[in-house]
Amino acid sequence: QVQLVESGGGLVQAGGSLRLSCKLSGRAFSEYALGWFRQAPGKDREFVAAISRSGGSTTYDDSVKGRFTISRNNAINTVYLQMNSLKPEDTAVFYCAAVRREPYMDYASGLDFQYNNWGQGTQVTVSS
């Protein structure tokens, strides 16, 4: 059983920064590709960023390119989302997601249906 626990959300002013963390427990972290998604009030869940199992491949939604960075630390089973230059439109619940991949499937995916493990989410609120 895989468990994902997000942390690091909070209230920040526009232009500020936050770093989200997501710790995976229950399985070999290095075998999992990981992603961050978000859902704003009244909107569908949307892709933010993803990283491959090796960490060698990343992908981002256009709305966060150049502002957000996804990274992983396999030694402590944690994936991060560094968010800089935050905007009010970034306000949402952010979710961490994971899917186990075979070594030859070392790619980062922005498709939420490919992920079968999800965290409970952490609220990010950006004030103007």
Foldseek 3Di string as FASTA:
>chain_A
DKAKAKDWADEEAAQAKIKMKIAIDDDQLLQKKKFKWWDDPPGDIFGAKIAFSNRPEIDGDPVQPPFWDWGDDSVRRMIMIIGGRDDQVVWTWMKMFIDGDDPVPGYIDRDVVRTDYIHPTDTHGYHD
